[in-house]
Amino acid sequence: MSGSQGGPGRLDATTSRKYNLTLSVFSTNLLNRENLGVPNGTLTSPFFGKSQSLAGGFFGPPTAGNRSIFLNASLSF
């Protein structure tokens, strides 16, 4: 690549690129807040109305209260 003055050219939208690198970050529970499960419903229990577990979903991990950060890099050519 050379510019009009003989120096290095510019890489902008007019220059065709052969490679493309895409970086992405995905996180769940970034602030690390507790996701509590269903509260205890036994009337005679001292824990009545209090949650004793973390929430879990059909698609989520079994320990839903944990912080997770996913990094992804994609190179296309």
N, C-alpha and C. Protein backbone atom coordinates (compact mmCIF):
# COMPACT_ATOMS: atom_id res chain seq x y z
N MET A 1 0.84 -1.18 0.00
CA MET A 1 0.00 0.00 0.00
C MET A 1 0.88 1.23 0.00
N SER A 2 0.54 2.18 -0.80
CA SER A 2 1.27 3.43 -0.81
C SER A 2 0.30 4.56 -1.01
N GLY A 3 0.56 5.67 -0.36
CA GLY A 3 -0.28 6.85 -0.49
C GLY A 3 0.22 7.71 -1.65
N SER A 4 -0.40 8.88 -1.80
CA SER A 4 -0.02 9.75 -2.90
C SER A 4 1.38 10.35 -2.70
N GLN A 5 1.86 10.40 -1.49
CA GLN A 5 3.18 10.95 -1.20
C GLN A 5 4.24 9.85 -1.10
N GLY A 6 3.91 8.64 -1.39
CA GLY A 6 4.86 7.53 -1.31
C GLY A 6 4.92 6.88 0.06
N GLY A 7 4.16 7.38 1.03
CA GLY A 7 4.14 6.82 2.38
C GLY A 7 3.08 5.74 2.49
N PRO A 8 2.85 5.26 3.71
CA PRO A 8 1.82 4.23 3.89
C PRO A 8 0.43 4.79 3.62
N GLY A 9 -0.44 3.97 3.03
CA GLY A 9 -1.80 4.39 2.71
C GLY A 9 -2.70 4.31 3.93
N ARG A 10 -3.93 4.80 3.77
CA ARG A 10 -4.91 4.78 4.85
C ARG A 10 -5.78 3.53 4.75
N LEU A 11 -6.16 3.01 5.89
CA LEU A 11 -7.12 1.90 5.92
C LEU A 11 -8.47 2.48 6.32
N ASP A 12 -9.33 2.73 5.37
CA ASP A 12 -10.66 3.23 5.67
C ASP A 12 -11.68 2.45 4.84
N ALA A 13 -12.89 2.97 4.74
CA ALA A 13 -13.97 2.23 4.09
C ALA A 13 -13.73 2.02 2.60
N THR A 14 -12.85 2.81 1.98
CA THR A 14 -12.63 2.65 0.55
C THR A 14 -11.64 1.54 0.25
N THR A 15 -10.90 1.07 1.23
CA THR A 15 -9.91 0.01 1.02
C THR A 15 -10.58 -1.34 1.23
N SER A 16 -10.42 -2.24 0.28
CA SER A 16 -11.00 -3.57 0.45
C SER A 16 -10.13 -4.38 1.40
N ARG A 17 -10.78 -5.11 2.28
CA ARG A 17 -10.06 -5.92 3.27
C ARG A 17 -10.31 -7.39 2.98
N LYS A 18 -9.28 -8.18 3.13
CA LYS A 18 -9.41 -9.62 2.90
C LYS A 18 -9.83 -10.35 4.18
N TYR A 19 -9.54 -9.77 5.32
CA TYR A 19 -9.79 -10.42 6.60
C TYR A 19 -10.66 -9.53 7.47
N ASN A 20 -11.45 -10.17 8.33
CA ASN A 20 -12.29 -9.43 9.26
C ASN A 20 -12.24 -10.15 10.61
N LEU A 21 -11.87 -9.43 11.66
CA LEU A 21 -11.82 -9.97 13.02
C LEU A 21 -12.91 -9.32 13.83
N THR A 22 -13.78 -10.13 14.41
CA THR A 22 -14.87 -9.64 15.24
C THR A 22 -14.69 -10.17 16.66
N LEU A 23 -14.68 -9.27 17.64
CA LEU A 23 -14.58 -9.63 19.05
C LEU A 23 -15.89 -9.28 19.73
N SER A 24 -16.38 -10.16 20.60
CA SER A 24 -17.61 -9.89 21.33
C SER A 24 -17.50 -10.44 22.75
N VAL A 25 -18.28 -9.82 23.64
CA VAL A 25 -18.32 -10.21 25.06
C VAL A 25 -19.78 -10.36 25.46
N PHE A 26 -20.11 -11.46 26.14
CA PHE A 26 -21.45 -11.71 26.65
C PHE A 26 -21.34 -12.06 28.12
N SER A 27 -22.18 -11.49 28.94
CA SER A 27 -22.11 -11.80 30.37
C SER A 27 -23.51 -12.02 30.93
N THR A 28 -23.57 -12.83 31.96
CA THR A 28 -24.80 -13.02 32.72
C THR A 28 -24.49 -12.71 34.18
N ASN A 29 -25.40 -12.02 34.81
CA ASN A 29 -25.27 -11.64 36.21
C ASN A 29 -23.97 -10.85 36.43
N LEU A 30 -23.73 -9.84 35.61
CA LEU A 30 -22.50 -9.07 35.67
C LEU A 30 -22.29 -8.40 37.03
N LEU A 31 -23.35 -7.94 37.66
CA LEU A 31 -23.24 -7.28 38.97
C LEU A 31 -23.25 -8.26 40.13
N ASN A 32 -23.32 -9.56 39.82
CA ASN A 32 -23.26 -10.64 40.81
C ASN A 32 -24.36 -10.53 41.87
N ARG A 33 -25.57 -10.31 41.42
CA ARG A 33 -26.72 -10.29 42.34
C ARG A 33 -27.27 -11.70 42.50
N GLU A 34 -27.85 -11.97 43.64
CA GLU A 34 -28.41 -13.29 43.89
C GLU A 34 -29.73 -13.46 43.14
N ASN A 35 -29.89 -14.58 42.49
CA ASN A 35 -31.14 -14.95 41.84
C ASN A 35 -31.76 -16.05 42.69
N LEU A 36 -32.62 -15.65 43.60
CA LEU A 36 -33.18 -16.59 44.57
C LEU A 36 -34.27 -17.45 43.96
N GLY A 37 -34.40 -18.66 44.47
CA GLY A 37 -35.41 -19.61 44.02
C GLY A 37 -36.74 -19.36 44.70
N VAL A 38 -37.64 -20.32 44.54
CA VAL A 38 -38.97 -20.24 45.11
C VAL A 38 -38.88 -20.30 46.64
N PRO A 39 -39.62 -19.43 47.35
CA PRO A 39 -39.58 -19.48 48.82
C PRO A 39 -40.23 -20.75 49.39
N ASN A 40 -39.84 -21.07 50.60
CA ASN A 40 -40.36 -22.24 51.30
C ASN A 40 -41.84 -22.02 51.59
N GLY A 41 -42.67 -23.02 51.31
CA GLY A 41 -44.11 -22.87 51.50
C GLY A 41 -44.67 -23.71 52.64
N THR A 42 -43.81 -24.34 53.46
CA THR A 42 -44.30 -25.15 54.58
C THR A 42 -44.63 -24.24 55.75
N LEU A 43 -45.89 -24.24 56.18
CA LEU A 43 -46.33 -23.32 57.22
C LEU A 43 -45.62 -23.52 58.56
N THR A 44 -45.29 -24.76 58.90
CA THR A 44 -44.68 -25.03 60.20
C THR A 44 -43.17 -24.87 60.20
N SER A 45 -42.58 -24.57 59.07
CA SER A 45 -41.13 -24.42 58.96
C SER A 45 -40.68 -23.04 59.45
N PRO A 46 -39.55 -22.98 60.15
CA PRO A 46 -39.03 -21.67 60.55
C PRO A 46 -38.53 -20.85 59.36
N PHE A 47 -38.39 -21.50 58.23
CA PHE A 47 -37.93 -20.81 57.01
C PHE A 47 -39.09 -20.45 56.08
N PHE A 48 -40.33 -20.43 56.60
CA PHE A 48 -41.50 -20.14 55.78
C PHE A 48 -41.37 -18.76 55.14
N GLY A 49 -41.56 -18.71 53.82
CA GLY A 49 -41.50 -17.44 53.10
C GLY A 49 -40.10 -17.01 52.72
N LYS A 50 -39.09 -17.80 53.08
CA LYS A 50 -37.70 -17.46 52.75
C LYS A 50 -37.17 -18.45 51.72
N SER A 51 -36.39 -17.94 50.79
CA SER A 51 -35.79 -18.80 49.78
C SER A 51 -34.55 -19.47 50.36
N GLN A 52 -34.40 -20.76 50.08
CA GLN A 52 -33.25 -21.51 50.58
C GLN A 52 -32.36 -22.01 49.46
N SER A 53 -32.60 -21.56 48.23
CA SER A 53 -31.80 -22.02 47.09
C SER A 53 -31.72 -20.91 46.05
N LEU A 54 -30.86 -21.13 45.08
CA LEU A 54 -30.74 -20.20 43.96
C LEU A 54 -31.65 -20.64 42.84
N ALA A 55 -32.09 -19.67 42.05
CA ALA A 55 -32.97 -19.97 40.94
C ALA A 55 -32.21 -20.68 39.84
N GLY A 56 -32.86 -21.59 39.20
CA GLY A 56 -32.30 -22.27 38.04
C GLY A 56 -33.38 -22.34 36.98
N GLY A 57 -32.98 -22.22 35.73
CA GLY A 57 -33.96 -22.24 34.66
C GLY A 57 -33.79 -23.46 33.79
N PHE A 58 -34.63 -23.57 32.79
CA PHE A 58 -34.54 -24.68 31.86
C PHE A 58 -33.26 -24.61 31.03
N PHE A 59 -32.88 -23.39 30.66
CA PHE A 59 -31.72 -23.22 29.78
C PHE A 59 -30.49 -22.70 30.52
N GLY A 60 -30.63 -22.32 31.76
CA GLY A 60 -29.52 -21.76 32.50
C GLY A 60 -28.69 -22.81 33.20
N PRO A 61 -27.54 -22.41 33.70
CA PRO A 61 -26.71 -23.35 34.45
C PRO A 61 -27.39 -23.72 35.77
N PRO A 62 -27.01 -24.86 36.37
CA PRO A 62 -27.64 -25.24 37.64
C PRO A 62 -27.34 -24.27 38.77
N THR A 63 -26.23 -23.56 38.70
CA THR A 63 -25.91 -22.54 39.71
C THR A 63 -26.13 -21.17 39.08
N ALA A 64 -27.40 -20.76 39.00
CA ALA A 64 -27.76 -19.55 38.28
C ALA A 64 -27.27 -18.28 38.95
N GLY A 65 -26.87 -18.33 40.20
CA GLY A 65 -26.43 -17.13 40.89
C GLY A 65 -25.01 -16.73 40.58
N ASN A 66 -24.26 -17.55 39.87
CA ASN A 66 -22.87 -17.24 39.60
C ASN A 66 -22.73 -16.27 38.43
N ARG A 67 -21.68 -15.48 38.49
CA ARG A 67 -21.35 -14.57 37.40
C ARG A 67 -20.67 -15.35 36.29
N SER A 68 -21.04 -15.09 35.04
CA SER A 68 -20.42 -15.74 33.89
C SER A 68 -20.09 -14.69 32.84
N ILE A 69 -18.89 -14.79 32.28
CA ILE A 69 -18.47 -13.89 31.22
C ILE A 69 -17.93 -14.75 30.08
N PHE A 70 -18.44 -14.53 28.87
CA PHE A 70 -18.04 -15.28 27.70
C PHE A 70 -17.36 -14.34 26.71
N LEU A 71 -16.22 -14.74 26.20
CA LEU A 71 -15.49 -13.98 25.19
C LEU A 71 -15.53 -14.77 23.89
N ASN A 72 -15.71 -14.06 22.78
CA ASN A 72 -15.79 -14.72 21.49
C ASN A 72 -14.97 -13.95 20.47
N ALA A 73 -14.18 -14.66 19.69
CA ALA A 73 -13.42 -14.06 18.59
C ALA A 73 -13.74 -14.83 17.32
N SER A 74 -14.02 -14.08 16.24
CA SER A 74 -14.37 -14.69 14.97
C SER A 74 -13.52 -14.07 13.87
N LEU A 75 -12.81 -14.90 13.13
CA LEU A 75 -11.98 -14.44 12.02
C LEU A 75 -12.59 -14.98 10.73
N SER A 76 -12.96 -14.07 9.84
CA SER A 76 -13.51 -14.50 8.56
C SER A 76 -12.63 -14.00 7.43
N PHE A 77 -12.46 -14.85 6.44
CA PHE A 77 -11.62 -14.51 5.30
C PHE A 77 -12.18 -15.10 4.03
